[in-house]
């Protein structure tokens, strides 16, 4: 038995394949193939646009998929969200779909756009947003490069942003946020009811989340003479208490811990001055709580 899983094509494709690799699942894909191979014989993979994945998952054509919360909402589908995966094209924080207008325009809120034209890739969600505000606008689909359209082609846009840099570069200002979104694993209800597929999804969730969590941490170990042990322990922050074990040489201990990668530049010099020796920093591939 296999779990059929849709992988997102486009901007998330490379980062998704890299995340699976960090999780221990190697995916091989030729440039023209939409059916990647992997070293996990229990996976049946297909690459497709993330906008389409929610619909195919709901219909049962594939068991599960990796897409965005935005596209699940846009398709208005009834699926199960297995987990959030906080990764995107360039950051680890949630993206936002925002309503933006030219910097020098008089528009300051959605209501100011009554009777105006709005371009977006997120058409249905944008229509629902304005309907809730009882504002009548002409919402048109944008095939891309949405941020360059105001003010000549449209009056406003609804676009996705991670940092806002592209909007600022095109002299646009944000006047509202429609929704926040991040990458998610979704599955249809039949797949979740199936013991094998549900367990497989839980395993994938654990491995991918563990790989994401590990990106901010490193392992650190050192040797410490018994007389300096308490001083060294006080220097070390840790997810839990550090592991301490006896070395072959009497009166010496090995100390090992996990800490935030940002802290090592401060911690390592303090460890050395506190009497630690043989200090080794090493990468971590996964953290499973």
C-alpha atoms as a PDB file:
ATOM      1  CA  UNK A   1       0.000   0.000   0.000  1.00  0.00           C
ATOM      2  CA  UNK A   2       1.135   3.550  -0.729  1.00  0.00           C
ATOM      3  CA  UNK A   3       0.217   7.082   0.269  1.00  0.00           C
ATOM      4  CA  UNK A   4      -0.264   9.334  -2.767  1.00  0.00           C
ATOM      5  CA  UNK A   5       1.135  12.774  -1.973  1.00  0.00           C
ATOM      6  CA  UNK A   6       1.058  15.956  -4.029  1.00  0.00           C
ATOM      7  CA  UNK A   7       4.143  18.164  -3.881  1.00  0.00           C
ATOM      8  CA  UNK A   8       3.936  21.869  -4.790  1.00  0.00           C
ATOM      9  CA  UNK A   9       5.347  22.977  -8.110  1.00  0.00           C
ATOM     10  CA  UNK A  10       6.883  26.429  -8.451  1.00  0.00           C
ATOM     11  CA  UNK A  11       8.457  28.602  -5.773  1.00  0.00           C
ATOM     12  CA  UNK A  12       8.035  25.979  -3.026  1.00  0.00           C
ATOM     13  CA  UNK A  13       9.245  23.021  -5.063  1.00  0.00           C
ATOM     14  CA  UNK A  14      12.960  23.189  -4.309  1.00  0.00           C
ATOM     15  CA  UNK A  15      12.519  24.066  -0.631  1.00  0.00           C
ATOM     16  CA  UNK A  16      10.041  21.187  -0.219  1.00  0.00           C
ATOM     17  CA  UNK A  17      12.412  18.653  -1.760  1.00  0.00           C
ATOM     18  CA  UNK A  18      15.236  19.983   0.435  1.00  0.00           C
ATOM     19  CA  UNK A  19      13.052  19.677   3.533  1.00  0.00           C
ATOM     20  CA  UNK A  20      12.261  16.048   2.715  1.00  0.00           C
ATOM     21  CA  UNK A  21      15.973  15.406   2.253  1.00  0.00           C
ATOM     22  CA  UNK A  22      16.701  16.856   5.704  1.00  0.00           C
ATOM     23  CA  UNK A  23      13.944  14.645   7.076  1.00  0.00           C
ATOM     24  CA  UNK A  24      15.692  11.583   5.617  1.00  0.00           C
ATOM     25  CA  UNK A  25      13.550  11.086   2.487  1.00  0.00           C
ATOM     26  CA  UNK A  26      15.484  11.577  -0.746  1.00  0.00           C
ATOM     27  CA  UNK A  27      13.394  12.707  -3.720  1.00  0.00           C
ATOM     28  CA  UNK A  28      14.672  12.495  -7.256  1.00  0.00           C
ATOM     29  CA  UNK A  29      13.042  14.539 -10.004  1.00  0.00           C
ATOM     30  CA  UNK A  30      14.003  15.193 -13.594  1.00  0.00           C
ATOM     31  CA  UNK A  31      13.231  18.607 -15.028  1.00  0.00           C
ATOM     32  CA  UNK A  32      10.322  17.439 -17.200  1.00  0.00           C
ATOM     33  CA  UNK A  33       8.874  14.794 -14.915  1.00  0.00           C
ATOM     34  CA  UNK A  34       5.813  15.351 -12.763  1.00  0.00           C
ATOM     35  CA  UNK A  35       6.227  11.995 -11.012  1.00  0.00           C
ATOM     36  CA  UNK A  36       9.284  12.127  -8.733  1.00  0.00           C
ATOM     37  CA  UNK A  37      10.928   9.050  -7.300  1.00  0.00           C
ATOM     38  CA  UNK A  38      11.945   8.640  -3.677  1.00  0.00           C
ATOM     39  CA  UNK A  39      13.782   6.178  -1.476  1.00  0.00           C
ATOM     40  CA  UNK A  40      10.545   5.644   0.490  1.00  0.00           C
ATOM     41  CA  UNK A  41       8.646   2.823  -1.206  1.00  0.00           C
ATOM     42  CA  UNK A  42       5.462   3.752   0.675  1.00  0.00           C
ATOM     43  CA  UNK A  43       5.126   7.107  -1.117  1.00  0.00           C
ATOM     44  CA  UNK A  44       3.556   7.756  -4.514  1.00  0.00           C
ATOM     45  CA  UNK A  45       4.547  11.325  -5.429  1.00  0.00           C
ATOM     46  CA  UNK A  46       3.195  13.767  -7.975  1.00  0.00           C
ATOM     47  CA  UNK A  47       4.175  17.417  -8.532  1.00  0.00           C
ATOM     48  CA  UNK A  48       1.414  19.908  -9.311  1.00  0.00           C
ATOM     49  CA  UNK A  49       0.504  23.523  -8.791  1.00  0.00           C
ATOM     50  CA  UNK A  50      -0.281  24.203  -5.119  1.00  0.00           C
ATOM     51  CA  UNK A  51      -3.463  26.009  -6.243  1.00  0.00           C
ATOM     52  CA  UNK A  52      -4.807  22.677  -7.574  1.00  0.00           C
ATOM     53  CA  UNK A  53      -3.729  20.351  -4.781  1.00  0.00           C
ATOM     54  CA  UNK A  54      -6.650  21.062  -2.373  1.00  0.00           C
ATOM     55  CA  UNK A  55      -9.239  20.188  -5.024  1.00  0.00           C
ATOM     56  CA  UNK A  56      -7.566  16.909  -5.995  1.00  0.00           C
ATOM     57  CA  UNK A  57      -7.146  15.983  -2.333  1.00  0.00           C
ATOM     58  CA  UNK A  58     -10.803  16.649  -1.537  1.00  0.00           C
ATOM     59  CA  UNK A  59     -11.911  14.602  -4.551  1.00  0.00           C
ATOM     60  CA  UNK A  60      -9.779  11.648  -3.466  1.00  0.00           C
ATOM     61  CA  UNK A  61      -7.639  11.667  -6.608  1.00  0.00           C
ATOM     62  CA  UNK A  62      -4.636  11.945  -4.282  1.00  0.00           C
ATOM     63  CA  UNK A  63      -4.612  11.098  -0.583  1.00  0.00           C
ATOM     64  CA  UNK A  64      -2.744  14.144   0.658  1.00  0.00           C
ATOM     65  CA  UNK A  65      -0.750  17.139  -0.446  1.00  0.00           C
ATOM     66  CA  UNK A  66       1.504  19.977   0.569  1.00  0.00           C
ATOM     67  CA  UNK A  67      -0.024  23.330  -0.268  1.00  0.00           C
ATOM     68  CA  UNK A  68      -0.853  26.661   1.347  1.00  0.00           C
ATOM     69  CA  UNK A  69      -3.635  27.518   3.747  1.00  0.00           C
ATOM     70  CA  UNK A  70      -4.518  30.253   1.264  1.00  0.00           C
ATOM     71  CA  UNK A  71      -5.239  27.805  -1.554  1.00  0.00           C
ATOM     72  CA  UNK A  72      -7.252  25.562   0.743  1.00  0.00           C
ATOM     73  CA  UNK A  73      -9.394  28.589   1.607  1.00  0.00           C
ATOM     74  CA  UNK A  74      -9.540  29.768  -2.014  1.00  0.00           C
ATOM     75  CA  UNK A  75     -10.868  26.386  -3.183  1.00  0.00           C
ATOM     76  CA  UNK A  76     -13.299  26.246  -0.241  1.00  0.00           C
ATOM     77  CA  UNK A  77     -12.623  22.516   0.219  1.00  0.00           C
ATOM     78  CA  UNK A  78     -13.468  20.095   3.007  1.00  0.00           C
ATOM     79  CA  UNK A  79     -10.130  18.522   3.909  1.00  0.00           C
ATOM     80  CA  UNK A  80      -8.175  17.701   7.065  1.00  0.00           C
ATOM     81  CA  UNK A  81      -5.187  19.877   7.942  1.00  0.00           C
ATOM     82  CA  UNK A  82      -2.529  17.495   9.275  1.00  0.00           C
ATOM     83  CA  UNK A  83      -0.008  20.138  10.333  1.00  0.00           C
ATOM     84  CA  UNK A  84       1.431  23.545   9.578  1.00  0.00           C
ATOM     85  CA  UNK A  85       4.944  23.590   8.143  1.00  0.00           C
ATOM     86  CA  UNK A  86       6.550  26.977   8.696  1.00  0.00           C
ATOM     87  CA  UNK A  87       8.685  27.280   5.596  1.00  0.00           C
ATOM     88  CA  UNK A  88       8.351  29.271   2.408  1.00  0.00           C
ATOM     89  CA  UNK A  89      10.498  30.699  -0.372  1.00  0.00           C
ATOM     90  CA  UNK A  90      12.760  32.819   1.828  1.00  0.00           C
ATOM     91  CA  UNK A  91      11.579  32.947   5.441  1.00  0.00           C
ATOM     92  CA  UNK A  92      10.198  30.799   8.238  1.00  0.00           C
ATOM     93  CA  UNK A  93       7.334  33.078   9.171  1.00  0.00           C
ATOM     94  CA  UNK A  94       3.790  33.190   7.864  1.00  0.00           C
ATOM     95  CA  UNK A  95       3.084  35.076   4.652  1.00  0.00           C
ATOM     96  CA  UNK A  96       0.232  37.576   4.294  1.00  0.00           C
ATOM     97  CA  UNK A  97      -2.281  38.293   1.567  1.00  0.00           C
ATOM     98  CA  UNK A  98      -2.670  42.055   1.671  1.00  0.00           C
ATOM     99  CA  UNK A  99      -4.713  44.761   0.027  1.00  0.00           C
ATOM    100  CA  UNK A 100      -2.289  47.291  -1.444  1.00  0.00           C
ATOM    101  CA  UNK A 101      -2.658  50.565  -3.333  1.00  0.00           C
ATOM    102  CA  UNK A 102      -0.230  53.136  -4.782  1.00  0.00           C
ATOM    103  CA  UNK A 103       1.608  55.170  -2.135  1.00  0.00           C
ATOM    104  CA  UNK A 104       0.252  58.450  -3.477  1.00  0.00           C
ATOM    105  CA  UNK A 105      -3.358  57.285  -3.877  1.00  0.00           C
ATOM    106  CA  UNK A 106      -6.148  58.663  -1.661  1.00  0.00           C
ATOM    107  CA  UNK A 107      -7.293  55.139  -0.672  1.00  0.00           C
ATOM    108  CA  UNK A 108      -6.775  54.268   3.004  1.00  0.00           C
ATOM    109  CA  UNK A 109      -9.316  51.468   3.561  1.00  0.00           C
ATOM    110  CA  UNK A 110     -11.252  48.846   1.633  1.00  0.00           C
ATOM    111  CA  UNK A 111     -14.400  50.958   1.548  1.00  0.00           C
ATOM    112  CA  UNK A 112     -12.589  53.634  -0.463  1.00  0.00           C
ATOM    113  CA  UNK A 113     -12.326  51.197  -3.382  1.00  0.00           C
ATOM    114  CA  UNK A 114     -16.049  50.968  -4.125  1.00  0.00           C
ATOM    115  CA  UNK A 115     -16.533  50.738  -7.897  1.00  0.00           C
ATOM    116  CA  UNK A 116     -12.789  50.266  -8.514  1.00  0.00           C
ATOM    117  CA  UNK A 117     -10.733  47.446 -10.107  1.00  0.00           C
ATOM    118  CA  UNK A 118      -8.711  44.994  -8.005  1.00  0.00           C
ATOM    119  CA  UNK A 119      -6.279  42.451  -9.472  1.00  0.00           C
ATOM    120  CA  UNK A 120      -5.257  39.263  -7.669  1.00  0.00           C
ATOM    121  CA  UNK A 121      -4.504  35.556  -8.029  1.00  0.00           C
ATOM    122  CA  UNK A 122      -6.708  34.917  -4.977  1.00  0.00           C
ATOM    123  CA  UNK A 123      -9.964  35.798  -6.706  1.00  0.00           C
ATOM    124  CA  UNK A 124     -12.635  33.980  -4.675  1.00  0.00           C
ATOM    125  CA  UNK A 125     -11.133  34.906  -1.303  1.00  0.00           C
ATOM    126  CA  UNK A 126     -10.887  38.535  -2.405  1.00  0.00           C
ATOM    127  CA  UNK A 127     -14.515  38.548  -3.557  1.00  0.00           C
ATOM    128  CA  UNK A 128     -15.643  37.136  -0.203  1.00  0.00           C
ATOM    129  CA  UNK A 129     -13.549  39.763   1.620  1.00  0.00           C
ATOM    130  CA  UNK A 130     -15.225  42.680  -0.166  1.00  0.00           C
ATOM    131  CA  UNK A 131     -18.676  41.052   0.064  1.00  0.00           C
ATOM    132  CA  UNK A 132     -18.354  40.878   3.855  1.00  0.00           C
ATOM    133  CA  UNK A 133     -17.620  44.602   3.851  1.00  0.00           C
ATOM    134  CA  UNK A 134     -20.530  45.287   1.458  1.00  0.00           C
ATOM    135  CA  UNK A 135     -18.131  46.948  -0.965  1.00  0.00           C
ATOM    136  CA  UNK A 136     -18.760  46.456  -4.685  1.00  0.00           C
ATOM    137  CA  UNK A 137     -15.536  46.115  -6.667  1.00  0.00           C
ATOM    138  CA  UNK A 138     -14.459  44.522  -9.944  1.00  0.00           C
ATOM    139  CA  UNK A 139     -12.094  41.670  -9.034  1.00  0.00           C
ATOM    140  CA  UNK A 140     -10.028  40.339 -11.929  1.00  0.00           C
ATOM    141  CA  UNK A 141      -7.590  37.432 -12.086  1.00  0.00           C
ATOM    142  CA  UNK A 142      -3.922  38.325 -12.367  1.00  0.00           C
ATOM    143  CA  UNK A 143      -1.545  36.012 -14.189  1.00  0.00           C
ATOM    144  CA  UNK A 144       1.442  37.297 -12.245  1.00  0.00           C
ATOM    145  CA  UNK A 145       3.556  40.423 -11.769  1.00  0.00           C
ATOM    146  CA  UNK A 146       0.523  41.745  -9.905  1.00  0.00           C
ATOM    147  CA  UNK A 147       2.468  44.418  -8.045  1.00  0.00           C
ATOM    148  CA  UNK A 148       3.307  46.319 -11.253  1.00  0.00           C
ATOM    149  CA  UNK A 149      -0.325  46.832 -12.322  1.00  0.00           C
ATOM    150  CA  UNK A 150      -1.421  49.794 -10.154  1.00  0.00           C
ATOM    151  CA  UNK A 151      -2.231  52.528 -10.918  1.00  0.00           C
ATOM    152  CA  UNK A 152      -2.260  52.232 -14.713  1.00  0.00           C
ATOM    153  CA  UNK A 153      -4.113  48.938 -15.132  1.00  0.00           C
ATOM    154  CA  UNK A 154      -5.978  48.586 -11.823  1.00  0.00           C
ATOM    155  CA  UNK A 155      -6.668  50.669  -8.753  1.00  0.00           C
ATOM    156  CA  UNK A 156      -5.526  48.128  -6.152  1.00  0.00           C
ATOM    157  CA  UNK A 157      -4.187  44.621  -5.765  1.00  0.00           C
ATOM    158  CA  UNK A 158      -4.459  41.742  -3.342  1.00  0.00           C
ATOM    159  CA  UNK A 159      -1.061  40.073  -3.289  1.00  0.00           C
ATOM    160  CA  UNK A 160       1.005  37.767  -1.118  1.00  0.00           C
ATOM    161  CA  UNK A 161       4.042  39.096   0.718  1.00  0.00           C
ATOM    162  CA  UNK A 162       6.679  37.670   3.018  1.00  0.00           C
ATOM    163  CA  UNK A 163       8.691  40.802   3.769  1.00  0.00           C
ATOM    164  CA  UNK A 164       6.869  43.579   1.890  1.00  0.00           C
ATOM    165  CA  UNK A 165      10.008  44.466  -0.057  1.00  0.00           C
ATOM    166  CA  UNK A 166       8.485  43.904  -3.507  1.00  0.00           C
ATOM    167  CA  UNK A 167       5.489  46.089  -2.652  1.00  0.00           C
ATOM    168  CA  UNK A 168       7.718  48.887  -1.383  1.00  0.00           C
ATOM    169  CA  UNK A 169       9.915  48.616  -4.475  1.00  0.00           C
ATOM    170  CA  UNK A 170       6.828  49.198  -6.608  1.00  0.00           C
ATOM    171  CA  UNK A 171       5.721  52.144  -4.457  1.00  0.00           C
ATOM    172  CA  UNK A 172       2.697  50.395  -2.989  1.00  0.00           C
ATOM    173  CA  UNK A 173       1.300  50.682   0.529  1.00  0.00           C
ATOM    174  CA  UNK A 174      -0.634  48.054   2.454  1.00  0.00           C
ATOM    175  CA  UNK A 175      -4.051  49.170   3.691  1.00  0.00           C
ATOM    176  CA  UNK A 176      -5.363  45.848   5.029  1.00  0.00           C
ATOM    177  CA  UNK A 177      -4.504  42.174   5.551  1.00  0.00           C
ATOM    178  CA  UNK A 178      -6.967  39.602   4.241  1.00  0.00           C
ATOM    179  CA  UNK A 179      -5.333  36.536   5.753  1.00  0.00           C
ATOM    180  CA  UNK A 180      -2.117  34.972   6.991  1.00  0.00           C
ATOM    181  CA  UNK A 181      -0.976  31.730   5.409  1.00  0.00           C
ATOM    182  CA  UNK A 182       1.720  29.109   5.637  1.00  0.00           C
ATOM    183  CA  UNK A 183       2.512  25.763   4.066  1.00  0.00           C
ATOM    184  CA  UNK A 184       0.408  22.859   5.314  1.00  0.00           C
ATOM    185  CA  UNK A 185      -0.060  19.147   4.829  1.00  0.00           C
ATOM    186  CA  UNK A 186      -3.679  18.346   4.024  1.00  0.00           C
ATOM    187  CA  UNK A 187      -5.454  15.028   3.505  1.00  0.00           C
ATOM    188  CA  UNK A 188      -8.918  13.874   2.563  1.00  0.00           C
ATOM    189  CA  UNK A 189     -11.205  12.265   5.109  1.00  0.00           C
ATOM    190  CA  UNK A 190     -10.913   8.758   3.641  1.00  0.00           C
ATOM    191  CA  UNK A 191      -7.132   8.828   3.895  1.00  0.00           C
ATOM    192  CA  UNK A 192      -7.303   9.902   7.533  1.00  0.00           C
ATOM    193  CA  UNK A 193      -9.699   7.027   8.305  1.00  0.00           C
ATOM    194  CA  UNK A 194      -7.282   4.490   6.780  1.00  0.00           C
ATOM    195  CA  UNK A 195      -4.878   3.179   9.451  1.00  0.00           C
ATOM    196  CA  UNK A 196      -1.881   2.829   7.126  1.00  0.00           C
ATOM    197  CA  UNK A 197      -2.300   6.233   5.474  1.00  0.00           C
ATOM    198  CA  UNK A 198      -3.017   8.024   8.755  1.00  0.00           C
ATOM    199  CA  UNK A 199       0.103   6.531  10.359  1.00  0.00           C
ATOM    200  CA  UNK A 200       2.168   7.407   7.294  1.00  0.00           C
ATOM    201  CA  UNK A 201       0.959  11.003   7.446  1.00  0.00           C
ATOM    202  CA  UNK A 202       1.825  11.179  11.152  1.00  0.00           C
ATOM    203  CA  UNK A 203       5.310   9.841  10.402  1.00  0.00           C
ATOM    204  CA  UNK A 204       5.862  12.415   7.647  1.00  0.00           C
ATOM    205  CA  UNK A 205       4.580  15.176   9.927  1.00  0.00           C
ATOM    206  CA  UNK A 206       6.994  14.113  12.685  1.00  0.00           C
ATOM    207  CA  UNK A 207      10.023  13.923  10.386  1.00  0.00           C
ATOM    208  CA  UNK A 208       9.377  17.170   8.494  1.00  0.00           C
ATOM    209  CA  UNK A 209       8.566  19.131  11.640  1.00  0.00           C
ATOM    210  CA  UNK A 210      11.626  17.673  13.350  1.00  0.00           C
ATOM    211  CA  UNK A 211      13.804  18.785  10.431  1.00  0.00           C
ATOM    212  CA  UNK A 212      12.339  22.306  10.550  1.00  0.00           C
ATOM    213  CA  UNK A 213      12.781  22.563  14.325  1.00  0.00           C
ATOM    214  CA  UNK A 214      16.400  21.449  14.050  1.00  0.00           C
ATOM    215  CA  UNK A 215      17.349  24.298  11.714  1.00  0.00           C
ATOM    216  CA  UNK A 216      17.632  26.752  14.604  1.00  0.00           C
ATOM    217  CA  UNK A 217      19.703  24.504  16.872  1.00  0.00           C
ATOM    218  CA  UNK A 218      23.128  22.899  17.104  1.00  0.00           C
ATOM    219  CA  UNK A 219      24.658  20.275  19.321  1.00  0.00           C
ATOM    220  CA  UNK A 220      27.561  21.176  21.607  1.00  0.00           C
ATOM    221  CA  UNK A 221      29.863  18.909  23.593  1.00  0.00           C
ATOM    222  CA  UNK A 222      32.976  19.444  25.622  1.00  0.00           C
ATOM    223  CA  UNK A 223      35.234  17.877  28.237  1.00  0.00           C
ATOM    224  CA  UNK A 224      35.330  19.289  31.750  1.00  0.00           C
ATOM    225  CA  UNK A 225      37.451  18.591  34.812  1.00  0.00           C
ATOM    226  CA  UNK A 226      35.362  17.815  37.895  1.00  0.00           C
ATOM    227  CA  UNK A 227      36.449  20.970  39.701  1.00  0.00           C
ATOM    228  CA  UNK A 228      35.022  23.119  36.873  1.00  0.00           C
ATOM    229  CA  UNK A 229      31.847  21.100  36.224  1.00  0.00           C
ATOM    230  CA  UNK A 230      29.354  23.266  38.117  1.00  0.00           C
ATOM    231  CA  UNK A 231      30.730  26.466  36.589  1.00  0.00           C
ATOM    232  CA  UNK A 232      30.418  25.039  33.073  1.00  0.00           C
ATOM    233  CA  UNK A 233      26.869  23.771  33.677  1.00  0.00           C
ATOM    234  CA  UNK A 234      25.765  27.256  34.717  1.00  0.00           C
ATOM    235  CA  UNK A 235      27.022  28.638  31.400  1.00  0.00           C
ATOM    236  CA  UNK A 236      24.999  26.203  29.290  1.00  0.00           C
ATOM    237  CA  UNK A 237      21.406  26.918  28.272  1.00  0.00           C
ATOM    238  CA  UNK A 238      19.647  23.773  27.105  1.00  0.00           C
ATOM    239  CA  UNK A 239      16.403  22.377  25.791  1.00  0.00           C
ATOM    240  CA  UNK A 240      16.610  20.043  28.759  1.00  0.00           C
ATOM    241  CA  UNK A 241      19.334  19.370  31.301  1.00  0.00           C
ATOM    242  CA  UNK A 242      22.687  18.625  29.645  1.00  0.00           C
ATOM    243  CA  UNK A 243      23.918  15.049  29.396  1.00  0.00           C
ATOM    244  CA  UNK A 244      26.912  14.390  31.648  1.00  0.00           C
ATOM    245  CA  UNK A 245      29.004  11.224  31.518  1.00  0.00           C
ATOM    246  CA  UNK A 246      32.295  10.052  33.036  1.00  0.00           C
ATOM    247  CA  UNK A 247      35.387   9.954  30.846  1.00  0.00           C
ATOM    248  CA  UNK A 248      37.951   7.171  31.060  1.00  0.00           C
ATOM    249  CA  UNK A 249      40.366   9.522  32.822  1.00  0.00           C
ATOM    250  CA  UNK A 250      39.327   9.859  36.432  1.00  0.00           C
ATOM    251  CA  UNK A 251      38.019  13.282  37.486  1.00  0.00           C
ATOM    252  CA  UNK A 252      36.922  14.269  33.961  1.00  0.00           C
ATOM    253  CA  UNK A 253      33.445  14.463  32.431  1.00  0.00           C
ATOM    254  CA  UNK A 254      31.890  14.799  28.972  1.00  0.00           C
ATOM    255  CA  UNK A 255      29.076  17.362  28.770  1.00  0.00           C
ATOM    256  CA  UNK A 256      26.681  17.425  25.835  1.00  0.00           C
ATOM    257  CA  UNK A 257      23.683  19.653  25.115  1.00  0.00           C
ATOM    258  CA  UNK A 258      21.544  21.278  22.421  1.00  0.00           C
ATOM    259  CA  UNK A 259      21.263  25.041  22.124  1.00  0.00           C
ATOM    260  CA  UNK A 260      20.092  27.772  19.814  1.00  0.00           C
ATOM    261  CA  UNK A 261      22.603  28.322  17.017  1.00  0.00           C
ATOM    262  CA  UNK A 262      22.488  32.090  17.633  1.00  0.00           C
ATOM    263  CA  UNK A 263      23.859  31.595  21.147  1.00  0.00           C
ATOM    264  CA  UNK A 264      27.048  29.711  20.299  1.00  0.00           C
ATOM    265  CA  UNK A 265      29.117  32.811  19.546  1.00  0.00           C
ATOM    266  CA  UNK A 266      28.549  33.915  23.139  1.00  0.00           C
ATOM    267  CA  UNK A 267      28.530  30.521  24.848  1.00  0.00           C
ATOM    268  CA  UNK A 268      31.709  28.945  23.409  1.00  0.00           C
ATOM    269  CA  UNK A 269      34.126  31.652  24.671  1.00  0.00           C
ATOM    270  CA  UNK A 270      32.455  31.522  28.100  1.00  0.00           C
ATOM    271  CA  UNK A 271      32.798  27.728  28.182  1.00  0.00           C
ATOM    272  CA  UNK A 272      36.484  27.954  27.372  1.00  0.00           C
ATOM    273  CA  UNK A 273      37.075  30.522  30.121  1.00  0.00           C
ATOM    274  CA  UNK A 274      35.118  28.352  32.567  1.00  0.00           C
ATOM    275  CA  UNK A 275      37.505  25.435  32.085  1.00  0.00           C
ATOM    276  CA  UNK A 276      35.912  23.438  29.236  1.00  0.00           C
ATOM    277  CA  UNK A 277      38.180  21.839  26.640  1.00  0.00           C
ATOM    278  CA  UNK A 278      37.690  19.787  23.474  1.00  0.00           C
ATOM    279  CA  UNK A 279      34.656  21.912  22.578  1.00  0.00           C
ATOM    280  CA  UNK A 280      32.824  20.584  19.508  1.00  0.00           C
ATOM    281  CA  UNK A 281      29.830  22.163  17.761  1.00  0.00           C
ATOM    282  CA  UNK A 282      27.895  19.950  15.334  1.00  0.00           C
ATOM    283  CA  UNK A 283      24.752  20.269  13.176  1.00  0.00           C
ATOM    284  CA  UNK A 284      21.479  18.559  14.043  1.00  0.00           C
ATOM    285  CA  UNK A 285      19.264  17.042  11.359  1.00  0.00           C
ATOM    286  CA  UNK A 286      16.117  16.575  13.447  1.00  0.00           C
ATOM    287  CA  UNK A 287      14.670  17.433  16.842  1.00  0.00           C
ATOM    288  CA  UNK A 288      11.775  15.216  17.928  1.00  0.00           C
ATOM    289  CA  UNK A 289      10.281  16.345  21.264  1.00  0.00           C
END
